[in-house]
Amino acid sequence: MVAVDAVTLFPTAGRAARAEERLAQCEAEQAALEDELNMVSDRLEEQLQQNMELQKAASRMQEEIDFRKRDETKGRETMLEWKRRVDELESDLATARECRLLPASCPDACNKACQTDGQEELGIDQPLPEETFAETSASCMPACGEWDPQQLLAPGLLQYLSVDEILAWRLTSRQTRSPRVLIQHLTEMGRLDRPESTTDFCARWKAAGADAPTTFRELAKDVKQLKVFECRWWCMRLASARLTHFPESDARNIVIANLRHLFVHIRSADKSVRSQAHHVLMNYGLGGLPFVQQLIAEELLGLMGDLLPESAEISKKASLEAQRCSRHLYCIVRALTKCQRQKWVSMLVRVLKSQQAFHSSLIDDLQLLWRADDDPRRSYAEAERQLKAFSVHASQAVQDELCRLRCF
């Protein structure tokens, strides 16, 4: 007898089996598509949440700007009111002199005391010749274009000040003729050399971002703390200032000094100090000038190199710190040179091969670098070879993401 298989005798059964196989395959494809849709949905939700946070931050900053504008308006009104009072007082004093109600020697002696520097102290009742008073008065007038605090003090009011107060004012007047003195003062107040300075500024900066009006009302209760915060804020704003009213070299030195301090703090053994320093450093880099972004890139790539040595196994802690460094580079990727991008890719691949928990975020960073390069296959040829070898033993999801990455 001729042997006949079951498919020949029952063709319908064979078609049913093939249909079941096809159905199972379709179900598997559908499940894969659903997983991908879920991933896309999650990413969209994250993006929406980030957009909402950015909108809230923009709203808070606008409130802060409005609050500061109102304060500036009140300050101008107060200054105008004081100027009006001083003018009235000068007018009254002039009238009194004309009526000889005030002795002429008193203001002359006080003005002479104001101009005395290293000379013998004059008695308040010792009269001065008119020519001496004229000479000393002319010598204290500031040059055109200079800012002189003495202009804020009506000469007729000197008689109401003690000699110590007059000499102190003279010292201030002489030192503040150059804005460099003021710049040095602001720089000293805005330094971030101590960990406590960085953590305090970071805490107040975050509070101002969350609720600017309340934060500034609280700071206004302590004038010293308000001044310290504003000086540190001013130093940070110099990192992105295109124009300044003083030499660019001074602004550069101020910014570089604080960046050096922050670079020390992000290597601190104290986790809290590291975290706060990273937050402040991020704000220095966002919108920073090219030299600022280059300094940050060089330092953080060096730190990542120290955290991820090629000859040793990479720990989870080191991987987390390296990822924190990557967040800074993510924000300044356009400022990176080709060599710096290649170095960053190399270290990301090193972490990717050793830590499975961070695959998604690491691949996102790699995708950013692939997009930022004109010819990624040539620029990252060695990294692409390592990724191809790594994908052989990776999960299906990671294989798919790496495949899409290499298709750029």
Protein backbone atom coordinates (compact mmCIF):
# COMPACT_ATOMS: atom_id res chain seq x y z
CA MET A 1 0.00 0.00 0.00
CA VAL A 2 1.07 3.58 -0.68
CA ALA A 3 1.75 5.65 2.50
CA VAL A 4 -0.36 8.81 2.72
CA ASP A 5 0.27 11.50 5.36
CA ALA A 6 -2.43 13.20 7.42
CA VAL A 7 -2.17 16.50 5.52
CA THR A 8 -2.93 14.72 2.22
CA LEU A 9 -5.92 12.91 3.68
CA PHE A 10 -7.15 15.90 5.66
CA PRO A 11 -6.17 19.12 3.81
CA THR A 12 -8.52 21.11 5.99
CA ALA A 13 -6.61 20.08 9.11
CA GLY A 14 -3.33 21.31 7.55
CA ARG A 15 -4.79 24.68 6.70
CA ALA A 16 -6.15 24.99 10.23
CA ALA A 17 -2.72 24.29 11.68
CA ARG A 18 -1.13 26.93 9.46
CA ALA A 19 -3.86 29.39 10.39
CA GLU A 20 -3.20 28.77 14.07
CA GLU A 21 0.49 29.38 13.56
CA ARG A 22 -0.24 32.58 11.69
CA LEU A 23 -2.67 33.67 14.41
CA ALA A 24 -0.09 33.04 17.09
CA GLN A 25 2.44 35.05 15.10
CA CYS A 26 -0.03 37.92 14.71
CA GLU A 27 -0.77 37.87 18.43
CA ALA A 28 2.93 38.07 19.18
CA GLU A 29 3.33 41.00 16.79
CA GLN A 30 0.29 42.67 18.33
CA ALA A 31 1.77 42.25 21.81
CA ALA A 32 5.05 43.77 20.63
CA LEU A 33 3.19 46.71 19.09
CA GLU A 34 1.22 47.21 22.29
CA ASP A 35 4.45 47.26 24.29
CA GLU A 36 5.92 49.83 21.93
CA LEU A 37 2.75 51.93 22.12
CA ASN A 38 2.90 51.79 25.91
CA MET A 39 6.51 52.98 25.81
CA VAL A 40 5.60 55.83 23.48
CA SER A 41 2.65 56.74 25.70
CA ASP A 42 4.88 56.78 28.78
CA ARG A 43 7.37 59.03 27.04
CA LEU A 44 4.61 61.38 25.92
CA GLU A 45 3.32 61.58 29.48
CA GLU A 46 6.82 62.36 30.74
CA GLN A 47 7.20 65.04 28.08
CA LEU A 48 3.84 66.57 29.00
CA GLN A 49 4.81 66.58 32.66
CA GLN A 50 8.12 68.27 31.84
CA ASN A 51 6.30 70.87 29.74
CA MET A 52 3.92 71.57 32.62
CA GLU A 53 6.85 71.97 35.00
CA LEU A 54 8.55 74.35 32.57
CA GLN A 55 5.35 76.39 32.30
CA LYS A 56 5.09 76.56 36.09
CA ALA A 57 8.73 77.63 36.34
CA ALA A 58 8.19 80.32 33.70
CA SER A 59 5.13 81.55 35.59
CA ARG A 60 7.08 81.68 38.84
CA MET A 61 9.91 83.60 37.20
CA GLN A 62 7.43 86.09 35.74
CA GLU A 63 5.94 86.61 39.20
CA GLU A 64 9.43 87.18 40.55
CA ILE A 65 10.16 89.75 37.82
CA ASP A 66 6.91 91.57 38.56
CA PHE A 67 7.70 91.53 42.27
CA ARG A 68 11.16 93.00 41.68
CA LYS A 69 9.74 95.67 39.37
CA ARG A 70 7.29 96.75 42.06
CA ASP A 71 10.16 96.93 44.57
CA GLU A 72 12.24 99.03 42.15
CA THR A 73 9.32 101.41 41.64
CA LYS A 74 8.90 101.83 45.40
CA GLY A 75 12.66 102.39 45.75
CA ARG A 76 12.65 105.13 43.12
CA GLU A 77 9.69 106.82 44.80
CA THR A 78 11.52 106.72 48.15
CA MET A 79 14.67 108.22 46.61
CA LEU A 80 12.67 111.04 45.03
CA GLU A 81 10.99 111.75 48.36
CA TRP A 82 14.36 111.95 50.16
CA LYS A 83 15.77 114.17 47.44
CA ARG A 84 12.82 116.51 47.87
CA ARG A 85 13.42 116.63 51.64
CA VAL A 86 17.13 117.33 51.18
CA ASP A 87 16.35 120.15 48.75
CA GLU A 88 13.94 121.67 51.26
CA LEU A 89 16.54 121.41 54.03
CA GLU A 90 19.22 123.03 51.87
CA SER A 91 16.84 125.85 51.08
CA ASP A 92 16.10 126.36 54.79
CA LEU A 93 19.81 126.35 55.64
CA ALA A 94 20.57 128.89 52.91
CA THR A 95 17.85 131.14 54.26
CA ALA A 96 19.21 130.76 57.79
CA ARG A 97 22.73 131.75 56.69
CA GLU A 98 21.42 134.82 54.96
CA CYS A 99 19.70 135.83 58.18
CA ARG A 100 22.97 135.09 60.09
CA LEU A 101 21.19 132.59 62.29
CA LEU A 102 24.04 130.09 61.81
CA PRO A 103 27.73 130.90 62.39
CA ALA A 104 29.81 130.77 59.23
CA SER A 105 32.76 129.04 60.91
CA CYS A 106 30.89 125.85 61.81
CA PRO A 107 30.32 124.40 58.32
CA ASP A 108 33.77 125.62 57.22
CA ALA A 109 35.48 123.65 59.97
CA CYS A 110 33.47 120.56 59.23
CA ASN A 111 34.24 120.74 55.51
CA LYS A 112 37.90 121.12 56.34
CA ALA A 113 37.70 118.02 58.55
CA CYS A 114 36.19 116.14 55.63
CA GLN A 115 39.21 116.96 53.48
CA THR A 116 41.81 116.22 56.17
CA ASP A 117 43.67 113.01 55.51
CA GLY A 118 46.74 112.30 57.64
CA GLN A 119 46.86 115.92 58.92
CA GLU A 120 46.36 117.26 62.41
CA GLU A 121 42.74 117.36 63.51
CA LEU A 122 41.19 120.84 63.49
CA GLY A 123 38.99 122.11 66.27
CA ILE A 124 35.37 122.57 65.43
CA ASP A 125 35.50 126.19 66.60
CA GLN A 126 38.70 127.12 64.72
CA PRO A 127 37.90 129.51 61.84
CA LEU A 128 39.36 129.00 58.39
CA PRO A 129 40.20 131.64 55.80
CA GLU A 130 37.76 131.88 52.93
CA GLU A 131 40.43 131.03 50.35
CA THR A 132 41.33 127.80 52.21
CA PHE A 133 37.70 126.74 52.27
CA ALA A 134 37.34 127.43 48.55
CA GLU A 135 40.45 125.41 47.70
CA THR A 136 39.48 122.41 49.80
CA SER A 137 35.92 122.49 48.50
CA ALA A 138 37.17 122.49 44.91
CA SER A 139 39.59 119.62 45.61
CA CYS A 140 36.79 117.31 46.76
CA MET A 141 34.69 117.77 43.62
CA PRO A 142 34.67 114.56 41.54
CA ALA A 143 35.86 114.40 37.94
CA CYS A 144 33.25 114.36 35.19
CA GLY A 145 31.66 110.93 34.82
CA GLU A 146 32.79 109.62 38.22
CA TRP A 147 30.37 108.42 40.86
CA ASP A 148 31.06 110.17 44.16
CA PRO A 149 29.01 109.44 47.31
CA GLN A 150 29.83 112.99 48.47
CA GLN A 151 27.41 114.29 45.84
CA LEU A 152 24.64 112.54 47.75
CA LEU A 153 25.46 114.59 50.86
CA ALA A 154 24.48 118.25 50.89
CA PRO A 155 27.54 120.31 52.06
CA GLY A 156 25.36 122.19 54.52
CA LEU A 157 24.56 118.97 56.39
CA LEU A 158 28.21 118.32 57.32
CA GLN A 159 27.87 120.43 60.46
CA TYR A 160 25.45 117.88 61.88
CA LEU A 161 27.96 115.00 61.60
CA SER A 162 30.66 114.12 64.07
CA VAL A 163 34.31 114.26 62.99
CA ASP A 164 34.52 110.46 63.01
CA GLU A 165 31.46 110.25 60.77
CA ILE A 166 32.87 112.84 58.39
CA LEU A 167 36.24 111.10 58.14
CA ALA A 168 34.52 107.76 57.59
CA TRP A 169 32.45 109.29 54.80
CA ARG A 170 35.59 110.82 53.30
CA LEU A 171 37.26 107.41 53.29
CA THR A 172 34.24 105.85 51.59
CA SER A 173 34.06 108.67 49.06
CA ARG A 174 37.74 108.30 48.16
CA GLN A 175 37.61 104.52 47.76
CA THR A 176 34.42 104.27 45.74
CA ARG A 177 35.48 106.57 42.93
CA SER A 178 36.53 103.43 41.03
CA PRO A 179 33.84 100.81 40.36
CA ARG A 180 36.49 98.12 40.88
CA VAL A 181 36.08 98.52 44.64
CA LEU A 182 32.36 97.82 44.32
CA ILE A 183 33.02 94.86 42.01
CA GLN A 184 35.49 93.38 44.50
CA HIS A 185 32.95 93.82 47.26
CA LEU A 186 30.22 92.05 45.27
CA THR A 187 32.65 89.28 44.35
CA GLU A 188 33.59 88.65 47.96
CA MET A 189 29.92 88.55 48.99
CA GLY A 190 29.04 86.21 46.09
CA ARG A 191 31.83 83.65 46.53
CA LEU A 192 30.94 79.96 46.69
CA ASP A 193 34.24 78.76 48.13
CA ARG A 194 32.68 77.12 51.20
CA PRO A 195 30.26 74.16 50.99
CA GLU A 196 27.88 76.04 53.29
CA SER A 197 27.78 78.94 50.84
CA THR A 198 26.79 76.62 48.00
CA THR A 199 24.14 74.72 49.93
CA ASP A 200 22.63 77.93 51.33
CA PHE A 201 22.44 79.57 47.91
CA CYS A 202 20.99 76.43 46.33
CA ALA A 203 18.29 76.15 48.99
CA ARG A 204 17.28 79.79 48.61
CA TRP A 205 17.40 79.55 44.81
CA LYS A 206 15.06 76.56 44.83
CA ALA A 207 12.74 78.34 47.26
CA ALA A 208 12.67 81.41 45.02
CA GLY A 209 11.86 79.21 42.03
CA ALA A 210 8.96 77.64 43.91
CA ASP A 211 7.54 80.85 45.42
CA ALA A 212 9.52 84.00 44.62
CA PRO A 213 7.34 86.60 46.40
CA THR A 214 7.30 84.69 49.69
CA THR A 215 11.03 83.97 49.51
CA PHE A 216 11.97 87.60 48.94
CA ARG A 217 9.64 88.77 51.68
CA GLU A 218 11.41 86.43 54.09
CA LEU A 219 14.84 87.54 52.88
CA ALA A 220 13.85 91.19 53.25
CA LYS A 221 13.55 90.61 57.01
CA ASP A 222 17.33 90.08 57.13
CA VAL A 223 19.09 92.67 54.97
CA LYS A 224 22.45 90.90 55.20
CA GLN A 225 21.06 87.57 53.97
CA LEU A 226 19.22 89.35 51.16
CA LYS A 227 22.41 91.07 50.07
CA VAL A 228 24.42 87.83 50.16
CA PHE A 229 21.79 86.03 48.07
CA GLU A 230 21.62 88.83 45.50
CA CYS A 231 25.43 88.97 45.22
CA ARG A 232 25.60 85.22 44.58
CA TRP A 233 22.78 85.54 42.07
CA TRP A 234 24.60 88.43 40.38
CA CYS A 235 27.79 86.36 40.08
CA MET A 236 25.80 83.52 38.50
CA ARG A 237 24.11 85.85 36.01
CA LEU A 238 27.54 86.97 34.81
CA ALA A 239 28.00 83.46 33.38
CA SER A 240 25.44 84.28 30.68
CA ALA A 241 25.84 88.08 30.45
CA ARG A 242 26.78 89.20 26.95
CA LEU A 243 27.37 92.81 28.01
CA THR A 244 28.67 94.28 31.27
CA HIS A 245 29.34 97.83 32.47
CA PHE A 246 32.86 96.87 33.59
CA PRO A 247 35.80 95.05 31.95
CA GLU A 248 34.99 91.64 30.48
CA SER A 249 38.14 90.21 32.06
CA ASP A 250 36.79 91.01 35.53
CA ALA A 251 33.48 89.30 34.79
CA ARG A 252 35.33 86.29 33.42
CA ASN A 253 37.53 86.01 36.52
CA ILE A 254 34.50 86.18 38.82
CA VAL A 255 32.69 83.40 36.96
CA ILE A 256 35.76 81.17 36.64
CA ALA A 257 36.51 81.48 40.37
CA ASN A 258 33.02 80.32 41.34
CA LEU A 259 33.10 77.52 38.74
CA ARG A 260 36.36 76.27 40.27
CA HIS A 261 34.72 76.23 43.70
CA LEU A 262 31.73 74.28 42.35
CA PHE A 263 34.05 71.78 40.65
CA VAL A 264 35.53 71.06 44.08
CA HIS A 265 32.10 70.70 45.70
CA ILE A 266 30.76 68.20 43.11
CA ARG A 267 33.62 65.90 44.17
CA SER A 268 32.76 66.25 47.86
CA ALA A 269 32.33 63.15 49.99
CA ASP A 270 29.11 64.66 51.35
CA LYS A 271 26.21 63.55 49.15
CA SER A 272 24.13 66.62 50.02
CA VAL A 273 26.93 69.01 49.08
CA ARG A 274 27.46 67.17 45.78
CA SER A 275 23.78 67.34 44.93
CA GLN A 276 23.43 71.05 45.72
CA ALA A 277 26.64 71.90 43.86
CA HIS A 278 25.41 70.03 40.77
CA HIS A 279 22.17 72.03 40.88
CA VAL A 280 23.97 75.38 41.03
CA LEU A 281 26.44 74.29 38.35
CA MET A 282 23.52 73.35 36.08
CA ASN A 283 22.21 76.92 36.36
CA TYR A 284 25.65 78.30 35.52
CA GLY A 285 25.73 76.18 32.35
CA LEU A 286 22.20 76.86 31.09
CA GLY A 287 22.53 79.68 28.58
CA GLY A 288 26.13 80.18 29.65
CA LEU A 289 28.78 81.86 27.54
CA PRO A 290 31.00 79.59 25.39
CA PHE A 291 33.94 79.71 27.80
CA VAL A 292 31.62 78.73 30.68
CA GLN A 293 30.22 75.72 28.83
CA GLN A 294 33.68 74.63 27.74
CA LEU A 295 35.01 74.74 31.30
CA ILE A 296 32.02 72.70 32.50
CA ALA A 297 32.46 70.16 29.69
CA GLU A 298 36.17 69.68 30.36
CA GLU A 299 35.70 69.27 34.10
CA LEU A 300 32.75 66.88 33.94
CA LEU A 301 34.30 64.70 31.25
CA GLY A 302 37.38 64.50 33.46
CA LEU A 303 35.23 63.58 36.46
CA MET A 304 33.43 60.90 34.44
CA GLY A 305 36.80 59.51 33.40
CA ASP A 306 37.82 59.25 37.07
CA LEU A 307 34.52 57.54 37.95
CA LEU A 308 34.67 55.07 35.06
CA PRO A 309 38.21 53.68 34.80
CA GLU A 310 38.71 51.20 31.96
CA SER A 311 40.75 48.82 34.11
CA ALA A 312 38.20 48.36 36.92
CA GLU A 313 34.64 47.20 37.34
CA ILE A 314 32.09 50.01 37.40
CA SER A 315 29.94 50.22 40.53
CA LYS A 316 26.32 51.34 40.63
CA LYS A 317 27.29 54.42 42.66
CA ALA A 318 29.88 55.44 40.08
CA SER A 319 27.33 54.91 37.30
CA LEU A 320 24.81 57.17 39.06
CA GLU A 321 27.41 59.92 39.51
CA ALA A 322 28.43 59.58 35.86
CA GLN A 323 24.81 59.96 34.80
CA ARG A 324 24.54 63.10 36.92
CA CYS A 325 27.51 64.50 35.01
CA SER A 326 25.80 63.55 31.74
CA ARG A 327 22.85 65.79 32.59
CA HIS A 328 25.13 68.82 32.39
CA LEU A 329 26.60 67.69 29.08
CA TYR A 330 23.09 67.02 27.75
CA CYS A 331 22.29 70.72 28.20
CA ILE A 332 25.47 71.97 26.49
CA VAL A 333 25.87 69.34 23.78
CA ARG A 334 26.07 72.00 21.05
CA ALA A 335 29.13 73.50 22.73
CA LEU A 336 31.05 70.18 22.76
CA THR A 337 33.84 69.56 20.29
CA LYS A 338 33.94 66.38 18.23
CA CYS A 339 36.66 64.95 20.47
CA GLN A 340 34.58 65.67 23.58
CA ARG A 341 31.51 64.00 22.06
CA GLN A 342 33.56 60.92 21.19
CA LYS A 343 34.87 60.75 24.75
CA TRP A 344 31.35 61.05 26.15
CA VAL A 345 30.04 58.30 23.85
CA SER A 346 32.89 56.02 24.90
CA MET A 347 32.03 56.42 28.59
CA LEU A 348 28.29 55.97 27.99
CA VAL A 349 28.98 52.68 26.21
CA ARG A 350 31.17 51.62 29.13
CA VAL A 351 28.31 52.19 31.58
CA LEU A 352 25.79 50.58 29.24
CA LYS A 353 27.76 47.34 29.17
CA SER A 354 28.12 47.16 32.95
CA GLN A 355 24.79 48.42 34.34
CA GLN A 356 21.51 47.01 33.02
CA ALA A 357 19.30 49.29 35.13
CA PHE A 358 20.18 52.43 33.17
CA HIS A 359 19.88 51.18 29.60
CA SER A 360 16.96 53.42 28.62
CA SER A 361 18.45 56.74 29.77
CA LEU A 362 21.89 55.87 28.43
CA ILE A 363 20.50 55.03 25.00
CA ASP A 364 18.60 58.35 25.02
CA ASP A 365 21.92 60.16 25.57
CA LEU A 366 23.51 58.16 22.78
CA GLN A 367 20.66 59.06 20.44
CA LEU A 368 21.22 62.75 21.23
CA LEU A 369 24.91 62.44 20.37
CA TRP A 370 24.13 60.53 17.17
CA ARG A 371 21.77 63.30 16.07
CA ALA A 372 24.27 66.04 16.97
CA ASP A 373 26.95 64.64 14.63
CA ASP A 374 27.01 65.06 10.85
CA ASP A 375 28.47 61.59 10.27
CA PRO A 376 27.94 59.47 13.42
CA ARG A 377 28.98 56.19 11.81
CA ARG A 378 32.42 57.56 11.12
CA SER A 379 32.75 59.63 14.29
CA TYR A 380 31.59 56.81 16.60
CA ALA A 381 32.84 53.82 14.61
CA GLU A 382 34.54 52.16 17.61
CA ALA A 383 31.51 52.72 19.86
CA GLU A 384 29.21 51.31 17.19
CA ARG A 385 31.35 48.17 16.96
CA GLN A 386 31.14 47.70 20.75
CA LEU A 387 27.38 48.28 20.72
CA LYS A 388 26.92 45.70 17.98
CA ALA A 389 28.84 43.11 20.01
CA PHE A 390 26.94 44.04 23.17
CA SER A 391 23.52 43.74 21.52
CA VAL A 392 24.07 40.03 20.83
CA HIS A 393 23.58 39.23 24.53
CA ALA A 394 21.15 42.06 25.35
CA SER A 395 17.39 41.84 25.76
CA GLN A 396 15.11 42.15 22.76
CA ALA A 397 14.00 45.66 23.76
CA VAL A 398 17.60 46.87 24.05
CA GLN A 399 18.45 45.22 20.73
CA ASP A 400 15.59 47.08 19.05
CA GLU A 401 16.66 50.44 20.50
CA LEU A 402 20.29 49.90 19.52
CA CYS A 403 19.18 48.89 16.04
CA ARG A 404 17.24 52.13 15.68
CA LEU A 405 20.25 54.03 17.02
CA ARG A 406 22.58 52.55 14.40
CA CYS A 407 20.08 53.43 11.66
CA PHE A 408 20.60 57.17 12.14
